[in-house]
Amino acid sequence: MGNLTTIKEFLLLGFGSLHGLQFFLFGIFLGIYVVTLLGNILILTVISFDRSLQNPMYFFLSNFSFLEIWYTTSIAPKMLKTLLSGPEVISFAGCVVQFYFFGSMAVAECFLLAAMSYDRYLAICSPLRYSTLMNLHTCILLAAGSWLGGFLAPVVTVTMTFQLPFCAAYEIDHFFCDLAPVLKLTCSDPGTVERTTFFLASFATMVPFLLTLASYIRIVAAVVRIPSATGKQRAFSTCSSHLIVVTLYYGTLGTVYAIPTATQTAALNKIFSLLYTVVTPMINPIVYSLRNNDVKKAVRRFMSLWIYAKRT
């Protein structure tokens, strides 16, 4: 193959030989995908119809649930297909779109988590001014900025990556179009792309992470100063679900990037990728459903109304 103009498609190798486990794994990952979709759709529906959840905290949560649906959907269907049918063809344009869309959702999630932490910071540290500071206009600006930042961040990386000449085999040893396995197919030096991507990815993840960390440092300091144990518990319960989700997301990313790319085997890279593309999006709606009393009460009300409507 001479260059990118001659490449019409790539071949996703998926998980390779699974020695008869493909149907078992397909069932597990299909179940995870269904739980992810249903959990996030339920949260979106409950927030939309329950007036008690019409506040900034749940406005951001609805954005987060919507993002999680598309975050995992950009990867899961193609991955499930590779489990059933083996190596799966993906068009060059399809690979570009998947690469870009997944990167956009990942960056948007970082910014959205930072916006949610800022909301909790204002609610706990400035409760008297909260409704003034976190008004509808501010919520829309923070949410729109998160989405816009996500959609803009991968543009340079995607453009640089897919303008490289691809003259190696067109087989991508992964279950989706990720940066490292795609760069292995180029016959030119990918160093510039790797350095640029590292800089952009560091900025897009570290800035929102540091903002999130700063918010929680202030939150912890404020909670510690609350005299009563009941007050401390009540204050912390309003942000515990978000803190768990932040820890899971950045903990997974930290695990992935703590190991140098050069030392990661293809199998190890796939395992890490499964954590942040499939497993974490399933855990997030479960955490918000089980640990948030307002969401649990709203779900019960919604289910009661739905059952009543079905009976009548």
Protein backbone atom coordinates (compact mmCIF):
# COMPACT_ATOMS: atom_id res chain seq x y z
CA MET A 1 0.00 0.00 0.00
CA GLY A 2 1.47 3.34 -0.99
CA ASN A 3 -0.39 5.95 1.05
CA LEU A 4 -3.74 6.80 2.59
CA THR A 5 -5.36 7.42 -0.81
CA THR A 6 -5.06 3.69 -1.60
CA ILE A 7 -6.57 2.56 1.70
CA LYS A 8 -10.31 2.00 1.57
CA GLU A 9 -10.74 -0.01 4.76
CA PHE A 10 -9.09 -1.48 7.82
CA LEU A 11 -9.52 -4.88 9.45
CA LEU A 12 -10.23 -4.87 13.19
CA LEU A 13 -8.74 -8.09 14.56
CA GLY A 14 -10.75 -7.89 17.75
CA PHE A 15 -9.74 -10.31 20.50
CA GLY A 16 -8.07 -12.93 18.32
CA SER A 17 -8.54 -16.62 19.07
CA LEU A 18 -10.78 -17.08 22.11
CA HIS A 19 -10.81 -20.90 22.07
CA GLY A 20 -14.59 -21.26 22.18
CA LEU A 21 -15.19 -18.46 24.68
CA GLN A 22 -16.54 -15.97 22.14
CA PHE A 23 -20.22 -16.70 22.83
CA PHE A 24 -19.70 -16.55 26.59
CA LEU A 25 -17.87 -13.21 26.33
CA PHE A 26 -20.44 -11.94 23.84
CA GLY A 27 -23.20 -12.62 26.38
CA ILE A 28 -21.30 -10.84 29.16
CA PHE A 29 -20.43 -7.74 27.10
CA LEU A 30 -23.88 -7.58 25.55
CA GLY A 31 -25.37 -7.66 29.05
CA ILE A 32 -23.00 -4.88 30.17
CA TYR A 33 -23.94 -2.78 27.14
CA VAL A 34 -27.67 -3.27 27.72
CA VAL A 35 -27.34 -2.40 31.43
CA THR A 36 -25.37 0.73 30.48
CA LEU A 37 -28.01 1.86 28.00
CA LEU A 38 -31.01 1.08 30.23
CA GLY A 39 -29.40 2.62 33.32
CA ASN A 40 -28.55 5.89 31.62
CA ILE A 41 -31.86 6.07 29.75
CA LEU A 42 -33.69 5.52 33.06
CA ILE A 43 -31.74 8.36 34.70
CA LEU A 44 -32.45 10.65 31.73
CA THR A 45 -36.16 9.79 31.81
CA VAL A 46 -36.55 10.21 35.57
CA ILE A 47 -34.75 13.57 35.59
CA SER A 48 -36.89 14.80 32.69
CA PHE A 49 -40.22 13.93 34.33
CA ASP A 50 -39.59 14.42 38.05
CA ARG A 51 -39.85 18.05 39.14
CA SER A 52 -37.90 17.43 42.35
CA LEU A 53 -34.82 16.77 40.19
CA GLN A 54 -35.07 19.98 38.17
CA ASN A 55 -31.93 21.60 39.58
CA PRO A 56 -28.32 22.18 38.40
CA MET A 57 -26.94 18.97 39.92
CA TYR A 58 -29.31 16.79 37.94
CA PHE A 59 -29.05 18.97 34.85
CA PHE A 60 -25.36 18.03 34.70
CA LEU A 61 -26.17 14.41 35.55
CA SER A 62 -28.58 14.21 32.60
CA ASN A 63 -25.84 15.57 30.32
CA PHE A 64 -23.46 13.01 31.78
CA SER A 65 -25.88 10.12 31.21
CA PHE A 66 -26.50 11.24 27.63
CA LEU A 67 -22.75 11.38 27.05
CA GLU A 68 -22.23 7.90 28.53
CA ILE A 69 -24.76 6.41 26.10
CA TRP A 70 -22.83 7.69 23.08
CA TYR A 71 -19.44 7.11 24.70
CA THR A 72 -20.00 3.36 24.95
CA THR A 73 -22.10 3.14 21.75
CA SER A 74 -19.17 4.42 19.70
CA ILE A 75 -17.27 1.23 20.65
CA ALA A 76 -19.58 -1.57 21.86
CA PRO A 77 -21.56 -2.56 18.70
CA LYS A 78 -18.43 -3.09 16.59
CA MET A 79 -16.72 -4.87 19.47
CA LEU A 80 -19.67 -7.24 19.90
CA LYS A 81 -19.61 -8.00 16.20
CA THR A 82 -15.92 -8.96 16.31
CA LEU A 83 -16.71 -11.39 19.13
CA LEU A 84 -19.28 -13.22 16.98
CA SER A 85 -17.78 -13.05 13.51
CA GLY A 86 -14.06 -12.60 14.17
CA PRO A 87 -12.03 -9.90 12.39
CA GLU A 88 -14.35 -7.13 11.21
CA VAL A 89 -13.88 -4.76 8.29
CA ILE A 90 -14.27 -1.05 8.98
CA SER A 91 -14.07 1.56 6.24
CA PHE A 92 -11.36 4.21 6.32
CA ALA A 93 -14.00 6.90 6.90
CA GLY A 94 -15.66 4.74 9.56
CA CYS A 95 -12.35 4.37 11.38
CA VAL A 96 -11.81 8.14 11.31
CA VAL A 97 -15.32 8.79 12.63
CA GLN A 98 -14.99 6.20 15.42
CA PHE A 99 -11.56 7.51 16.41
CA TYR A 100 -12.80 11.11 16.51
CA PHE A 101 -16.14 10.43 18.19
CA PHE A 102 -14.69 8.32 20.98
CA GLY A 103 -11.96 10.89 21.65
CA SER A 104 -14.57 13.67 21.73
CA MET A 105 -16.73 11.84 24.26
CA ALA A 106 -13.71 11.04 26.46
CA VAL A 107 -12.58 14.68 26.60
CA ALA A 108 -16.14 15.99 27.07
CA GLU A 109 -16.50 13.63 30.03
CA CYS A 110 -13.42 15.15 31.69
CA PHE A 111 -14.81 18.67 31.32
CA LEU A 112 -18.29 17.63 32.40
CA LEU A 113 -16.95 15.96 35.54
CA ALA A 114 -15.12 19.22 36.33
CA ALA A 115 -18.36 21.19 35.85
CA MET A 116 -20.20 18.81 38.17
CA SER A 117 -17.50 19.15 40.83
CA TYR A 118 -17.73 22.96 40.58
CA ASP A 119 -21.48 22.70 41.09
CA ARG A 120 -20.94 20.64 44.26
CA TYR A 121 -18.28 23.09 45.44
CA LEU A 122 -20.70 26.01 45.19
CA ALA A 123 -23.51 24.02 46.83
CA ILE A 124 -21.40 23.12 49.87
CA CYS A 125 -19.03 26.08 50.19
CA SER A 126 -21.41 28.90 49.14
CA PRO A 127 -24.93 27.61 49.89
CA LEU A 128 -26.46 31.07 50.34
CA ARG A 129 -25.23 32.27 46.95
CA TYR A 130 -25.65 28.92 45.18
CA SER A 131 -28.92 29.68 43.38
CA THR A 132 -27.52 33.01 42.19
CA LEU A 133 -24.15 31.71 41.04
CA MET A 134 -25.36 28.43 39.55
CA ASN A 135 -28.30 29.77 37.56
CA LEU A 136 -29.69 28.36 34.31
CA HIS A 137 -27.43 30.56 32.18
CA THR A 138 -24.31 29.32 34.01
CA CYS A 139 -25.42 25.69 33.76
CA ILE A 140 -25.95 25.96 30.02
CA LEU A 141 -22.58 27.68 29.53
CA LEU A 142 -20.72 25.00 31.53
CA ALA A 143 -22.48 22.14 29.74
CA ALA A 144 -22.04 23.73 26.30
CA GLY A 145 -18.37 24.44 27.04
CA SER A 146 -17.84 20.80 28.04
CA TRP A 147 -19.40 19.52 24.81
CA LEU A 148 -17.61 22.09 22.64
CA GLY A 149 -14.26 21.37 24.29
CA GLY A 150 -14.80 17.67 23.69
CA PHE A 151 -15.63 18.07 20.01
CA LEU A 152 -12.71 20.43 19.34
CA ALA A 153 -9.96 18.61 21.28
CA PRO A 154 -9.37 15.58 18.96
CA VAL A 155 -9.45 17.53 15.68
CA VAL A 156 -5.68 18.07 15.44
CA THR A 157 -4.82 14.49 16.44
CA VAL A 158 -7.32 12.95 14.02
CA THR A 159 -6.16 15.17 11.16
CA MET A 160 -2.47 14.46 11.74
CA THR A 161 -2.96 10.72 12.28
CA PHE A 162 -4.99 9.98 9.17
CA GLN A 163 -2.81 12.11 6.92
CA LEU A 164 0.14 9.81 7.60
CA PRO A 165 1.12 7.38 4.83
CA PHE A 166 -0.08 3.85 5.65
CA CYS A 167 2.07 1.27 3.90
CA ALA A 168 2.09 -1.58 6.42
CA ALA A 169 -0.57 -4.25 6.73
CA TYR A 170 -4.01 -2.75 7.16
CA GLU A 171 -4.88 -4.98 10.13
CA ILE A 172 -5.59 -3.11 13.39
CA ASP A 173 -4.81 -5.37 16.35
CA HIS A 174 -7.61 -3.99 18.49
CA PHE A 175 -11.41 -4.01 18.74
CA PHE A 176 -11.71 -0.33 17.77
CA CYS A 177 -9.69 2.38 16.02
CA ASP A 178 -7.44 3.54 18.83
CA LEU A 179 -4.37 5.74 18.41
CA ALA A 180 -1.56 3.31 19.24
CA PRO A 181 -2.63 0.40 16.96
CA VAL A 182 -3.44 2.80 14.11
CA LEU A 183 0.00 4.45 14.32
CA LYS A 184 1.64 1.02 14.07
CA LEU A 185 0.37 0.82 10.47
CA THR A 186 2.18 3.92 9.24
CA CYS A 187 5.49 3.68 7.39
CA SER A 188 6.61 7.17 8.45
CA ASP A 189 7.87 8.38 11.80
CA PRO A 190 4.81 8.92 14.05
CA GLY A 191 6.85 10.80 16.65
CA THR A 192 5.36 14.21 15.83
CA VAL A 193 1.83 12.83 16.10
CA GLU A 194 2.62 11.07 19.38
CA ARG A 195 4.19 14.16 20.95
CA THR A 196 1.37 16.43 19.78
CA THR A 197 -1.25 13.98 21.01
CA PHE A 198 0.48 13.63 24.36
CA PHE A 199 0.53 17.41 24.82
CA LEU A 200 -3.12 17.86 23.79
CA ALA A 201 -4.34 14.86 25.78
CA SER A 202 -2.42 16.03 28.86
CA PHE A 203 -4.00 19.47 28.59
CA ALA A 204 -7.51 18.10 27.93
CA THR A 205 -7.37 15.71 30.91
CA MET A 206 -5.09 17.42 33.42
CA VAL A 207 -6.79 20.83 33.37
CA PRO A 208 -10.27 19.46 34.22
CA PHE A 209 -8.70 16.96 36.63
CA LEU A 210 -6.89 19.73 38.52
CA LEU A 211 -10.07 21.81 38.59
CA THR A 212 -11.96 18.81 39.96
CA LEU A 213 -9.24 18.15 42.52
CA ALA A 214 -9.23 21.81 43.63
CA SER A 215 -13.02 21.73 44.04
CA TYR A 216 -12.87 18.64 46.25
CA ILE A 217 -10.03 20.03 48.35
CA ARG A 218 -12.22 23.04 49.12
CA ILE A 219 -15.23 20.76 49.70
CA VAL A 220 -13.33 18.57 52.17
CA ALA A 221 -12.04 21.65 53.98
CA ALA A 222 -15.59 23.01 54.26
CA VAL A 223 -17.05 19.68 55.42
CA VAL A 224 -14.38 19.30 58.11
CA ARG A 225 -15.40 22.67 59.58
CA ILE A 226 -19.05 21.58 59.98
CA PRO A 227 -19.53 21.01 63.73
CA SER A 228 -22.11 18.21 63.73
CA ALA A 229 -21.54 14.68 62.41
CA THR A 230 -25.02 14.73 60.84
CA GLY A 231 -24.19 17.91 58.97
CA LYS A 232 -20.94 16.44 57.71
CA GLN A 233 -22.68 13.30 56.52
CA ARG A 234 -25.43 15.27 54.79
CA ALA A 235 -22.91 17.54 53.03
CA PHE A 236 -20.71 14.67 51.90
CA SER A 237 -23.66 12.57 50.70
CA THR A 238 -24.50 15.22 48.10
CA CYS A 239 -21.19 14.63 46.30
CA SER A 240 -20.25 11.05 47.20
CA SER A 241 -21.68 9.55 44.00
CA HIS A 242 -19.83 12.05 41.83
CA LEU A 243 -16.60 11.45 43.78
CA ILE A 244 -16.85 7.70 43.16
CA VAL A 245 -17.40 8.26 39.42
CA VAL A 246 -14.45 10.69 39.25
CA THR A 247 -12.21 8.20 41.08
CA LEU A 248 -13.21 5.36 38.76
CA TYR A 249 -12.73 7.41 35.58
CA TYR A 250 -9.40 9.03 36.40
CA GLY A 251 -8.18 5.91 38.20
CA THR A 252 -8.71 3.90 35.02
CA LEU A 253 -7.04 6.56 32.85
CA GLY A 254 -4.16 6.77 35.31
CA THR A 255 -3.68 3.01 35.16
CA VAL A 256 -3.61 3.08 31.36
CA TYR A 257 -1.18 5.98 31.01
CA ALA A 258 1.06 5.01 33.93
CA ILE A 259 2.41 2.15 31.83
CA PRO A 260 4.48 3.33 28.84
CA THR A 261 2.87 2.56 25.48
CA ALA A 262 6.02 0.85 24.24
CA THR A 263 5.84 -1.77 27.01
CA GLN A 264 2.15 -2.54 26.61
CA THR A 265 1.31 -5.72 24.74
CA ALA A 266 -1.72 -5.77 22.43
CA ALA A 267 -3.57 -8.02 24.89
CA LEU A 268 -2.83 -5.70 27.83
CA ASN A 269 -3.91 -2.68 25.81
CA LYS A 270 -7.23 -4.37 25.00
CA ILE A 271 -7.86 -5.23 28.66
CA PHE A 272 -7.22 -1.65 29.75
CA SER A 273 -9.41 -0.38 26.92
CA LEU A 274 -12.28 -2.61 28.06
CA LEU A 275 -12.15 -1.00 31.50
CA TYR A 276 -12.73 2.56 30.35
CA THR A 277 -14.85 1.87 27.26
CA VAL A 278 -17.24 -0.81 28.55
CA VAL A 279 -17.01 -1.46 32.30
CA THR A 280 -16.83 2.08 33.73
CA PRO A 281 -19.85 3.40 31.72
CA MET A 282 -21.92 0.55 33.20
CA ILE A 283 -20.86 1.30 36.77
CA ASN A 284 -21.65 5.02 36.63
CA PRO A 285 -25.49 4.82 36.39
CA ILE A 286 -25.47 2.07 39.03
CA VAL A 287 -23.52 4.32 41.41
CA TYR A 288 -25.87 7.26 40.87
CA SER A 289 -28.93 5.02 41.25
CA LEU A 290 -27.85 3.17 44.39
CA ARG A 291 -26.06 5.94 46.31
CA ASN A 292 -28.30 8.92 45.54
CA ASN A 293 -31.45 8.96 47.65
CA ASP A 294 -33.18 11.57 45.49
CA VAL A 295 -32.65 9.47 42.35
CA LYS A 296 -33.83 6.30 44.14
CA LYS A 297 -37.01 8.01 45.33
CA ALA A 298 -37.64 9.47 41.88
CA VAL A 299 -37.13 6.05 40.27
CA ARG A 300 -39.65 4.51 42.68
CA ARG A 301 -42.19 7.24 41.90
CA PHE A 302 -41.62 6.83 38.18
CA MET A 303 -41.96 3.03 38.34
CA SER A 304 -45.14 3.32 40.44
CA LEU A 305 -46.68 5.70 37.90
CA TRP A 306 -45.59 3.47 35.02
CA ILE A 307 -47.09 0.34 36.65
CA TYR A 308 -50.30 2.24 37.45
CA ALA A 309 -50.54 3.47 33.85
CA LYS A 310 -50.03 -0.06 32.54
CA ARG A 311 -52.78 -1.45 34.76
CA THR A 312 -55.29 1.21 33.77
